[in-house]
Amino acid sequence: MKAGFALILVLSWLAACCGNRFQEAWVMNCEHTFPDGTHFDLGPLTRTAGRPDYVGRDKSGNNYYINVCNNVQEIPHECRVLQKDIRAPVYQVRNDSFCHWLGLEGSHRWDLIEPGSPFVGVQLTYMDGEYCQEGVNRQVRLQMYCDHMGRLGSVADYYVTVEAPCTYVVTFPTIHGCPKDLRWSWGSWFDVLFFLGVGLYLGVGIAFNMNKYQMPLGVEAIPHIEFWRQLPDLVKDGVAFSVDFVLVTLGRREPQTRGSFEWSGL
């Protein structure tokens, strides 16, 4: 009986102190599809329990504590001191230690950074932030620029600016700022670099042979042409050698003596 009561108390404490955080991490949707069918997924950028919030800084030395599609995991100390414990996705802590919350997770809007150009990136605007002296509520725009190199919003790559009174803009590059159907995988990069390398090899090699050896434009001007002509036979011999080696190793064939061959024209 006492053990059951103790278990109930522990579960109640966990629900009170941690329930909201884990609930936000699971129920908030960080995907959006625009009317033209362009689809974005910023979910991998969301900071959940165990992962620190993003921290940025503007030119004035003010710090910003940021989360994507979720409230910050930890309200800044300066805000708690001022009893500003409103759950918000972005906080500003000024260099004089004053604190402002810049928007509400429940009041957000999705837009393309440049209308009609989804490959530039997507922005998530949080509105209804703390009221400011200019007579409007603060708001913040998180601009995720499409970065095929996939740096996942490195802290060193984003910065904060103020574009209008009480309007803040956080900018950083990330592969998740690219539409899902336009993202390039490592395989895609390999294909591009491979064919680019082949093109450079053929172009530079042919130009070299034509200029140095006065070869006419044609098959004979291809660099290392004799090697490429022998390549099928070399591959065939290599496969035969590998099969023979495996069979001999397994004891299914006696070692055989093979004739030698020479590479020429290299």
C-alpha atoms as a PDB file:
ATOM      1  CA  MET A   1       0.000   0.000   0.000  1.00  0.00           C
ATOM      2  CA  LYS A   2       2.768   2.440   0.919  1.00  0.00           C
ATOM      3  CA  ALA A   3       4.718   1.500  -2.213  1.00  0.00           C
ATOM      4  CA  GLY A   4       1.695   2.203  -4.399  1.00  0.00           C
ATOM      5  CA  PHE A   5       1.110   5.562  -2.737  1.00  0.00           C
ATOM      6  CA  ALA A   6       4.781   6.501  -3.213  1.00  0.00           C
ATOM      7  CA  LEU A   7       4.562   5.555  -6.900  1.00  0.00           C
ATOM      8  CA  ILE A   8       1.528   7.795  -7.343  1.00  0.00           C
ATOM      9  CA  LEU A   9       3.378  10.705  -5.734  1.00  0.00           C
ATOM     10  CA  VAL A  10       6.410  10.227  -8.023  1.00  0.00           C
ATOM     11  CA  LEU A  11       4.240  10.060 -11.144  1.00  0.00           C
ATOM     12  CA  SER A  12       2.329  13.170 -10.061  1.00  0.00           C
ATOM     13  CA  TRP A  13       5.594  15.065  -9.530  1.00  0.00           C
ATOM     14  CA  LEU A  14       6.882  14.033 -12.967  1.00  0.00           C
ATOM     15  CA  ALA A  15       3.646  15.127 -14.599  1.00  0.00           C
ATOM     16  CA  ALA A  16       3.745  18.505 -12.849  1.00  0.00           C
ATOM     17  CA  CYS A  17       7.389  19.373 -13.563  1.00  0.00           C
ATOM     18  CA  CYS A  18       8.052  17.676 -16.890  1.00  0.00           C
ATOM     19  CA  GLY A  19       4.714  16.843 -18.468  1.00  0.00           C
ATOM     20  CA  ASN A  20       4.304  20.045 -20.451  1.00  0.00           C
ATOM     21  CA  ARG A  21       7.772  19.827 -21.938  1.00  0.00           C
ATOM     22  CA  PHE A  22       7.414  16.281 -23.247  1.00  0.00           C
ATOM     23  CA  GLN A  23       3.878  16.920 -24.419  1.00  0.00           C
ATOM     24  CA  GLU A  24       5.051  19.881 -26.516  1.00  0.00           C
ATOM     25  CA  ALA A  25       7.871  17.838 -27.975  1.00  0.00           C
ATOM     26  CA  TRP A  26       5.446  15.206 -29.235  1.00  0.00           C
ATOM     27  CA  VAL A  27       2.266  17.024 -30.282  1.00  0.00           C
ATOM     28  CA  MET A  28       3.618  20.107 -32.079  1.00  0.00           C
ATOM     29  CA  ASN A  29       3.594  19.703 -35.843  1.00  0.00           C
ATOM     30  CA  CYS A  30       6.591  21.229 -37.595  1.00  0.00           C
ATOM     31  CA  GLU A  31       5.594  20.390 -41.165  1.00  0.00           C
ATOM     32  CA  HIS A  32       3.791  22.655 -43.604  1.00  0.00           C
ATOM     33  CA  THR A  33       2.498  22.285 -47.149  1.00  0.00           C
ATOM     34  CA  PHE A  34       1.833  25.406 -49.212  1.00  0.00           C
ATOM     35  CA  PRO A  35      -1.102  25.603 -51.675  1.00  0.00           C
ATOM     36  CA  ASP A  36       1.209  24.796 -54.622  1.00  0.00           C
ATOM     37  CA  GLY A  37       2.181  21.504 -52.959  1.00  0.00           C
ATOM     38  CA  THR A  38       5.621  22.621 -51.734  1.00  0.00           C
ATOM     39  CA  HIS A  39       6.315  20.800 -48.471  1.00  0.00           C
ATOM     40  CA  PHE A  40       8.691  21.737 -45.648  1.00  0.00           C
ATOM     41  CA  ASP A  41       9.645  19.815 -42.521  1.00  0.00           C
ATOM     42  CA  LEU A  42      11.488  21.724 -39.779  1.00  0.00           C
ATOM     43  CA  GLY A  43      11.020  18.966 -37.203  1.00  0.00           C
ATOM     44  CA  PRO A  44      14.721  17.998 -37.008  1.00  0.00           C
ATOM     45  CA  LEU A  45      15.506  21.556 -35.868  1.00  0.00           C
ATOM     46  CA  THR A  46      13.212  21.337 -32.818  1.00  0.00           C
ATOM     47  CA  ARG A  47      15.057  21.265 -29.508  1.00  0.00           C
ATOM     48  CA  THR A  48      13.530  18.753 -27.094  1.00  0.00           C
ATOM     49  CA  ALA A  49      14.476  17.580 -23.610  1.00  0.00           C
ATOM     50  CA  GLY A  50      18.215  17.012 -23.300  1.00  0.00           C
ATOM     51  CA  ARG A  51      19.143  19.326 -26.178  1.00  0.00           C
ATOM     52  CA  PRO A  52      19.978  22.972 -25.377  1.00  0.00           C
ATOM     53  CA  ASP A  53      18.132  25.843 -27.003  1.00  0.00           C
ATOM     54  CA  TYR A  54      19.730  27.819 -29.815  1.00  0.00           C
ATOM     55  CA  VAL A  55      21.490  30.978 -28.603  1.00  0.00           C
ATOM     56  CA  GLY A  56      22.089  33.912 -30.938  1.00  0.00           C
ATOM     57  CA  ARG A  57      23.300  37.479 -30.566  1.00  0.00           C
ATOM     58  CA  ASP A  58      22.675  40.727 -32.417  1.00  0.00           C
ATOM     59  CA  LYS A  59      25.093  43.581 -33.104  1.00  0.00           C
ATOM     60  CA  SER A  60      24.125  45.326 -29.861  1.00  0.00           C
ATOM     61  CA  GLY A  61      25.166  42.351 -27.753  1.00  0.00           C
ATOM     62  CA  ASN A  62      21.649  41.238 -26.882  1.00  0.00           C
ATOM     63  CA  ASN A  63      21.211  37.470 -26.520  1.00  0.00           C
ATOM     64  CA  TYR A  64      18.354  35.444 -27.981  1.00  0.00           C
ATOM     65  CA  TYR A  65      17.219  32.022 -26.780  1.00  0.00           C
ATOM     66  CA  ILE A  66      15.443  30.223 -29.594  1.00  0.00           C
ATOM     67  CA  ASN A  67      13.577  27.046 -30.364  1.00  0.00           C
ATOM     68  CA  VAL A  68      11.886  25.953 -33.602  1.00  0.00           C
ATOM     69  CA  CYS A  69       8.267  24.770 -33.541  1.00  0.00           C
ATOM     70  CA  ASN A  70       8.400  24.557 -29.775  1.00  0.00           C
ATOM     71  CA  ASN A  71       8.860  26.743 -26.726  1.00  0.00           C
ATOM     72  CA  VAL A  72      12.362  27.119 -25.301  1.00  0.00           C
ATOM     73  CA  GLN A  73      13.409  24.237 -23.100  1.00  0.00           C
ATOM     74  CA  GLU A  74      14.568  26.541 -20.325  1.00  0.00           C
ATOM     75  CA  ILE A  75      13.304  30.047 -19.629  1.00  0.00           C
ATOM     76  CA  PRO A  76      16.353  32.335 -19.246  1.00  0.00           C
ATOM     77  CA  HIS A  77      17.346  33.209 -15.682  1.00  0.00           C
ATOM     78  CA  GLU A  78      16.932  36.945 -16.328  1.00  0.00           C
ATOM     79  CA  CYS A  79      13.318  36.337 -17.358  1.00  0.00           C
ATOM     80  CA  ARG A  80      12.525  34.228 -14.316  1.00  0.00           C
ATOM     81  CA  VAL A  81      13.942  36.940 -12.050  1.00  0.00           C
ATOM     82  CA  LEU A  82      11.490  39.391 -13.649  1.00  0.00           C
ATOM     83  CA  GLN A  83       8.686  36.803 -13.225  1.00  0.00           C
ATOM     84  CA  LYS A  84       8.248  36.585 -17.010  1.00  0.00           C
ATOM     85  CA  ASP A  85       7.588  32.873 -16.992  1.00  0.00           C
ATOM     86  CA  ILE A  86       5.353  32.835 -20.077  1.00  0.00           C
ATOM     87  CA  ARG A  87       6.226  29.879 -22.275  1.00  0.00           C
ATOM     88  CA  ALA A  88       7.562  31.256 -25.566  1.00  0.00           C
ATOM     89  CA  PRO A  89       9.660  29.999 -28.516  1.00  0.00           C
ATOM     90  CA  VAL A  90      12.042  33.003 -28.492  1.00  0.00           C
ATOM     91  CA  TYR A  91      13.303  35.217 -25.673  1.00  0.00           C
ATOM     92  CA  GLN A  92      15.442  38.324 -25.883  1.00  0.00           C
ATOM     93  CA  VAL A  93      17.803  39.040 -22.982  1.00  0.00           C
ATOM     94  CA  ARG A  94      19.186  42.544 -23.423  1.00  0.00           C
ATOM     95  CA  ASN A  95      22.712  43.507 -22.495  1.00  0.00           C
ATOM     96  CA  ASP A  96      21.229  45.339 -19.487  1.00  0.00           C
ATOM     97  CA  SER A  97      19.733  42.000 -18.299  1.00  0.00           C
ATOM     98  CA  PHE A  98      16.179  43.025 -19.132  1.00  0.00           C
ATOM     99  CA  CYS A  99      14.075  40.290 -20.742  1.00  0.00           C
ATOM    100  CA  HIS A 100      11.297  40.133 -23.375  1.00  0.00           C
ATOM    101  CA  TRP A 101       9.374  37.212 -24.852  1.00  0.00           C
ATOM    102  CA  LEU A 102       9.027  37.755 -28.596  1.00  0.00           C
ATOM    103  CA  GLY A 103       6.041  35.652 -29.615  1.00  0.00           C
ATOM    104  CA  LEU A 104       3.751  32.747 -28.797  1.00  0.00           C
ATOM    105  CA  GLU A 105       4.024  29.275 -30.259  1.00  0.00           C
ATOM    106  CA  GLY A 106       0.259  29.177 -30.724  1.00  0.00           C
ATOM    107  CA  SER A 107       0.360  32.360 -32.856  1.00  0.00           C
ATOM    108  CA  HIS A 108       2.546  31.478 -35.805  1.00  0.00           C
ATOM    109  CA  ARG A 109       2.480  31.831 -39.587  1.00  0.00           C
ATOM    110  CA  TRP A 110       4.329  30.030 -42.393  1.00  0.00           C
ATOM    111  CA  ASP A 111       5.615  31.970 -45.414  1.00  0.00           C
ATOM    112  CA  LEU A 112       8.194  31.582 -48.145  1.00  0.00           C
ATOM    113  CA  ILE A 113      11.160  33.899 -47.656  1.00  0.00           C
ATOM    114  CA  GLU A 114      10.705  35.018 -51.271  1.00  0.00           C
ATOM    115  CA  PRO A 115       7.147  34.526 -52.583  1.00  0.00           C
ATOM    116  CA  GLY A 116       7.120  32.171 -55.554  1.00  0.00           C
ATOM    117  CA  SER A 117      10.660  30.909 -54.883  1.00  0.00           C
ATOM    118  CA  PRO A 118      10.479  27.938 -52.484  1.00  0.00           C
ATOM    119  CA  PHE A 119      14.091  26.950 -53.130  1.00  0.00           C
ATOM    120  CA  VAL A 120      15.252  30.122 -51.308  1.00  0.00           C
ATOM    121  CA  GLY A 121      13.812  28.946 -48.003  1.00  0.00           C
ATOM    122  CA  VAL A 122      10.922  29.176 -45.565  1.00  0.00           C
ATOM    123  CA  GLN A 123      10.187  31.439 -42.611  1.00  0.00           C
ATOM    124  CA  LEU A 124       8.190  30.828 -39.466  1.00  0.00           C
ATOM    125  CA  THR A 125       6.774  33.975 -37.833  1.00  0.00           C
ATOM    126  CA  TYR A 126       5.790  34.016 -34.154  1.00  0.00           C
ATOM    127  CA  MET A 127       3.403  36.829 -33.224  1.00  0.00           C
ATOM    128  CA  ASP A 128       1.660  38.209 -30.115  1.00  0.00           C
ATOM    129  CA  GLY A 129       4.875  38.723 -28.185  1.00  0.00           C
ATOM    130  CA  GLU A 130       5.335  41.083 -25.257  1.00  0.00           C
ATOM    131  CA  TYR A 131       3.834  44.546 -25.777  1.00  0.00           C
ATOM    132  CA  CYS A 132       6.442  47.192 -26.538  1.00  0.00           C
ATOM    133  CA  GLN A 133       6.552  50.966 -26.194  1.00  0.00           C
ATOM    134  CA  GLU A 134       5.973  51.493 -29.934  1.00  0.00           C
ATOM    135  CA  GLY A 135       2.373  50.411 -29.369  1.00  0.00           C
ATOM    136  CA  VAL A 136       2.594  46.970 -31.000  1.00  0.00           C
ATOM    137  CA  ASN A 137       3.287  43.437 -29.882  1.00  0.00           C
ATOM    138  CA  ARG A 138       6.711  42.033 -30.515  1.00  0.00           C
ATOM    139  CA  GLN A 139       7.120  39.389 -33.193  1.00  0.00           C
ATOM    140  CA  VAL A 140      10.010  37.306 -34.518  1.00  0.00           C
ATOM    141  CA  ARG A 141      10.661  35.654 -37.885  1.00  0.00           C
ATOM    142  CA  LEU A 142      12.799  32.536 -38.089  1.00  0.00           C
ATOM    143  CA  GLN A 143      14.188  32.438 -41.627  1.00  0.00           C
ATOM    144  CA  MET A 144      15.559  29.038 -42.669  1.00  0.00           C
ATOM    145  CA  TYR A 145      17.509  29.517 -45.890  1.00  0.00           C
ATOM    146  CA  CYS A 146      17.885  26.453 -48.097  1.00  0.00           C
ATOM    147  CA  ASP A 147      21.411  25.102 -47.600  1.00  0.00           C
ATOM    148  CA  HIS A 148      22.155  21.890 -49.502  1.00  0.00           C
ATOM    149  CA  MET A 149      25.421  21.442 -47.581  1.00  0.00           C
ATOM    150  CA  GLY A 150      23.298  20.478 -44.613  1.00  0.00           C
ATOM    151  CA  ARG A 151      24.895  22.412 -41.748  1.00  0.00           C
ATOM    152  CA  LEU A 152      21.692  22.019 -39.712  1.00  0.00           C
ATOM    153  CA  GLY A 153      21.542  25.599 -38.564  1.00  0.00           C
ATOM    154  CA  SER A 154      25.002  25.887 -37.094  1.00  0.00           C
ATOM    155  CA  VAL A 155      25.088  28.545 -34.356  1.00  0.00           C
ATOM    156  CA  ALA A 156      28.066  30.107 -36.144  1.00  0.00           C
ATOM    157  CA  ASP A 157      25.954  30.610 -39.260  1.00  0.00           C
ATOM    158  CA  TYR A 158      22.912  32.474 -37.983  1.00  0.00           C
ATOM    159  CA  TYR A 159      22.421  35.938 -36.656  1.00  0.00           C
ATOM    160  CA  VAL A 160      19.677  38.226 -35.369  1.00  0.00           C
ATOM    161  CA  THR A 161      18.639  41.577 -36.810  1.00  0.00           C
ATOM    162  CA  VAL A 162      15.874  44.091 -36.094  1.00  0.00           C
ATOM    163  CA  GLU A 163      14.073  45.058 -39.303  1.00  0.00           C
ATOM    164  CA  ALA A 164      11.268  47.172 -37.839  1.00  0.00           C
ATOM    165  CA  PRO A 165      10.225  48.407 -34.385  1.00  0.00           C
ATOM    166  CA  CYS A 166       9.716  45.312 -32.240  1.00  0.00           C
ATOM    167  CA  THR A 167      10.183  42.923 -35.208  1.00  0.00           C
ATOM    168  CA  TYR A 168      13.156  40.578 -34.989  1.00  0.00           C
ATOM    169  CA  VAL A 169      14.603  38.280 -37.661  1.00  0.00           C
ATOM    170  CA  VAL A 170      16.695  35.189 -36.985  1.00  0.00           C
ATOM    171  CA  THR A 171      18.486  33.925 -40.094  1.00  0.00           C
ATOM    172  CA  PHE A 172      20.419  30.720 -40.515  1.00  0.00           C
ATOM    173  CA  PRO A 173      21.103  28.167 -43.292  1.00  0.00           C
ATOM    174  CA  THR A 174      19.906  24.583 -43.028  1.00  0.00           C
ATOM    175  CA  ILE A 175      19.046  21.726 -45.371  1.00  0.00           C
ATOM    176  CA  HIS A 176      15.625  21.696 -43.721  1.00  0.00           C
ATOM    177  CA  GLY A 177      14.990  25.102 -45.257  1.00  0.00           C
ATOM    178  CA  CYS A 178      14.815  23.318 -48.613  1.00  0.00           C
ATOM    179  CA  PRO A 179      11.537  21.830 -49.881  1.00  0.00           C
ATOM    180  CA  LYS A 180      11.602  18.094 -49.222  1.00  0.00           C
ATOM    181  CA  ASP A 181      11.395  17.222 -52.921  1.00  0.00           C
ATOM    182  CA  LEU A 182      14.325  19.554 -53.734  1.00  0.00           C
ATOM    183  CA  ARG A 183      16.807  18.330 -51.131  1.00  0.00           C
ATOM    184  CA  TRP A 184      19.959  16.729 -52.414  1.00  0.00           C
ATOM    185  CA  SER A 185      21.262  13.547 -50.830  1.00  0.00           C
ATOM    186  CA  TRP A 186      24.932  12.605 -50.590  1.00  0.00           C
ATOM    187  CA  GLY A 187      24.268  10.238 -53.495  1.00  0.00           C
ATOM    188  CA  SER A 188      23.094  13.160 -55.613  1.00  0.00           C
ATOM    189  CA  TRP A 189      26.236  15.129 -54.762  1.00  0.00           C
ATOM    190  CA  PHE A 190      28.373  12.104 -55.659  1.00  0.00           C
ATOM    191  CA  ASP A 191      26.674  11.778 -59.043  1.00  0.00           C
ATOM    192  CA  VAL A 192      27.206  15.465 -59.838  1.00  0.00           C
ATOM    193  CA  LEU A 193      30.851  15.459 -58.739  1.00  0.00           C
ATOM    194  CA  PHE A 194      31.558  12.171 -60.545  1.00  0.00           C
ATOM    195  CA  PHE A 195      30.218  13.320 -63.897  1.00  0.00           C
ATOM    196  CA  LEU A 196      31.855  16.727 -63.428  1.00  0.00           C
ATOM    197  CA  GLY A 197      35.187  14.982 -62.831  1.00  0.00           C
ATOM    198  CA  VAL A 198      34.748  12.771 -65.901  1.00  0.00           C
ATOM    199  CA  GLY A 199      33.920  15.820 -68.002  1.00  0.00           C
ATOM    200  CA  LEU A 200      36.984  17.694 -66.782  1.00  0.00           C
ATOM    201  CA  TYR A 201      39.211  14.648 -67.336  1.00  0.00           C
ATOM    202  CA  LEU A 202      38.046  14.195 -70.927  1.00  0.00           C
ATOM    203  CA  GLY A 203      37.977  17.907 -71.781  1.00  0.00           C
ATOM    204  CA  VAL A 204      41.389  18.757 -70.361  1.00  0.00           C
ATOM    205  CA  GLY A 205      42.964  15.524 -71.666  1.00  0.00           C
ATOM    206  CA  ILE A 206      41.671  15.940 -75.213  1.00  0.00           C
ATOM    207  CA  ALA A 207      42.739  19.604 -75.304  1.00  0.00           C
ATOM    208  CA  PHE A 208      46.215  18.630 -74.051  1.00  0.00           C
ATOM    209  CA  ASN A 209      46.675  15.897 -76.687  1.00  0.00           C
ATOM    210  CA  MET A 210      45.433  18.148 -79.484  1.00  0.00           C
ATOM    211  CA  ASN A 211      47.730  21.029 -78.504  1.00  0.00           C
ATOM    212  CA  LYS A 212      50.874  19.100 -77.487  1.00  0.00           C
ATOM    213  CA  TYR A 213      50.770  16.147 -79.898  1.00  0.00           C
ATOM    214  CA  GLN A 214      48.742  17.764 -82.714  1.00  0.00           C
ATOM    215  CA  MET A 215      46.166  14.976 -82.576  1.00  0.00           C
ATOM    216  CA  PRO A 216      42.959  15.515 -84.559  1.00  0.00           C
ATOM    217  CA  LEU A 217      39.719  15.724 -82.611  1.00  0.00           C
ATOM    218  CA  GLY A 218      38.462  12.182 -82.291  1.00  0.00           C
ATOM    219  CA  VAL A 219      38.747   8.930 -80.337  1.00  0.00           C
ATOM    220  CA  GLU A 220      42.547   8.898 -80.556  1.00  0.00           C
ATOM    221  CA  ALA A 221      42.693  12.210 -78.654  1.00  0.00           C
ATOM    222  CA  ILE A 222      41.020  10.707 -75.589  1.00  0.00           C
ATOM    223  CA  PRO A 223      43.570  10.636 -72.726  1.00  0.00           C
ATOM    224  CA  HIS A 224      45.043   7.195 -71.948  1.00  0.00           C
ATOM    225  CA  ILE A 225      43.106   5.698 -74.863  1.00  0.00           C
ATOM    226  CA  GLU A 226      45.136   2.463 -74.880  1.00  0.00           C
ATOM    227  CA  PHE A 227      44.297   1.867 -71.215  1.00  0.00           C
ATOM    228  CA  TRP A 228      40.566   2.365 -71.850  1.00  0.00           C
ATOM    229  CA  ARG A 229      40.718  -0.043 -74.801  1.00  0.00           C
ATOM    230  CA  GLN A 230      42.312  -2.704 -72.631  1.00  0.00           C
ATOM    231  CA  LEU A 231      40.072  -2.046 -69.616  1.00  0.00           C
ATOM    232  CA  PRO A 232      37.410  -4.696 -70.492  1.00  0.00           C
ATOM    233  CA  ASP A 233      40.085  -7.393 -70.759  1.00  0.00           C
ATOM    234  CA  LEU A 234      41.731  -6.171 -67.548  1.00  0.00           C
ATOM    235  CA  VAL A 235      38.408  -6.354 -65.712  1.00  0.00           C
ATOM    236  CA  LYS A 236      37.762  -9.826 -67.139  1.00  0.00           C
ATOM    237  CA  ASP A 237      41.202 -11.040 -65.998  1.00  0.00           C
ATOM    238  CA  GLY A 238      40.689  -9.478 -62.579  1.00  0.00           C
ATOM    239  CA  VAL A 239      37.325 -11.206 -62.092  1.00  0.00           C
ATOM    240  CA  ALA A 240      38.784 -14.560 -63.248  1.00  0.00           C
ATOM    241  CA  PHE A 241      41.714 -14.169 -60.857  1.00  0.00           C
ATOM    242  CA  SER A 242      39.388 -13.342 -57.949  1.00  0.00           C
ATOM    243  CA  VAL A 243      37.145 -16.350 -58.639  1.00  0.00           C
ATOM    244  CA  ASP A 244      40.167 -18.636 -58.971  1.00  0.00           C
ATOM    245  CA  PHE A 245      41.643 -17.284 -55.724  1.00  0.00           C
ATOM    246  CA  VAL A 246      38.402 -17.918 -53.812  1.00  0.00           C
ATOM    247  CA  LEU A 247      38.021 -21.465 -55.194  1.00  0.00           C
ATOM    248  CA  VAL A 248      41.645 -22.329 -54.404  1.00  0.00           C
ATOM    249  CA  THR A 249      41.272 -20.895 -50.884  1.00  0.00           C
ATOM    250  CA  LEU A 250      38.164 -23.036 -50.333  1.00  0.00           C
ATOM    251  CA  GLY A 251      40.014 -26.091 -51.623  1.00  0.00           C
ATOM    252  CA  ARG A 252      37.707 -26.596 -54.590  1.00  0.00           C
ATOM    253  CA  ARG A 253      40.344 -26.053 -57.247  1.00  0.00           C
ATOM    254  CA  GLU A 254      44.062 -26.635 -57.668  1.00  0.00           C
ATOM    255  CA  PRO A 255      46.223 -23.536 -58.260  1.00  0.00           C
ATOM    256  CA  GLN A 256      46.505 -22.746 -61.953  1.00  0.00           C
ATOM    257  CA  THR A 257      49.290 -20.988 -63.801  1.00  0.00           C
ATOM    258  CA  ARG A 258      48.077 -18.042 -65.815  1.00  0.00           C
ATOM    259  CA  GLY A 259      49.825 -16.217 -68.591  1.00  0.00           C
ATOM    260  CA  SER A 260      51.033 -12.721 -67.922  1.00  0.00           C
ATOM    261  CA  PHE A 261      49.956  -9.559 -69.685  1.00  0.00           C
ATOM    262  CA  GLU A 262      51.464  -6.155 -70.115  1.00  0.00           C
ATOM    263  CA  TRP A 263      49.956  -2.690 -69.894  1.00  0.00           C
ATOM    264  CA  SER A 264      51.057  -0.459 -72.696  1.00  0.00           C
ATOM    265  CA  GLY A 265      50.313   2.998 -73.918  1.00  0.00           C
ATOM    266  CA  LEU A 266      50.006   4.540 -70.443  1.00  0.00           C
END
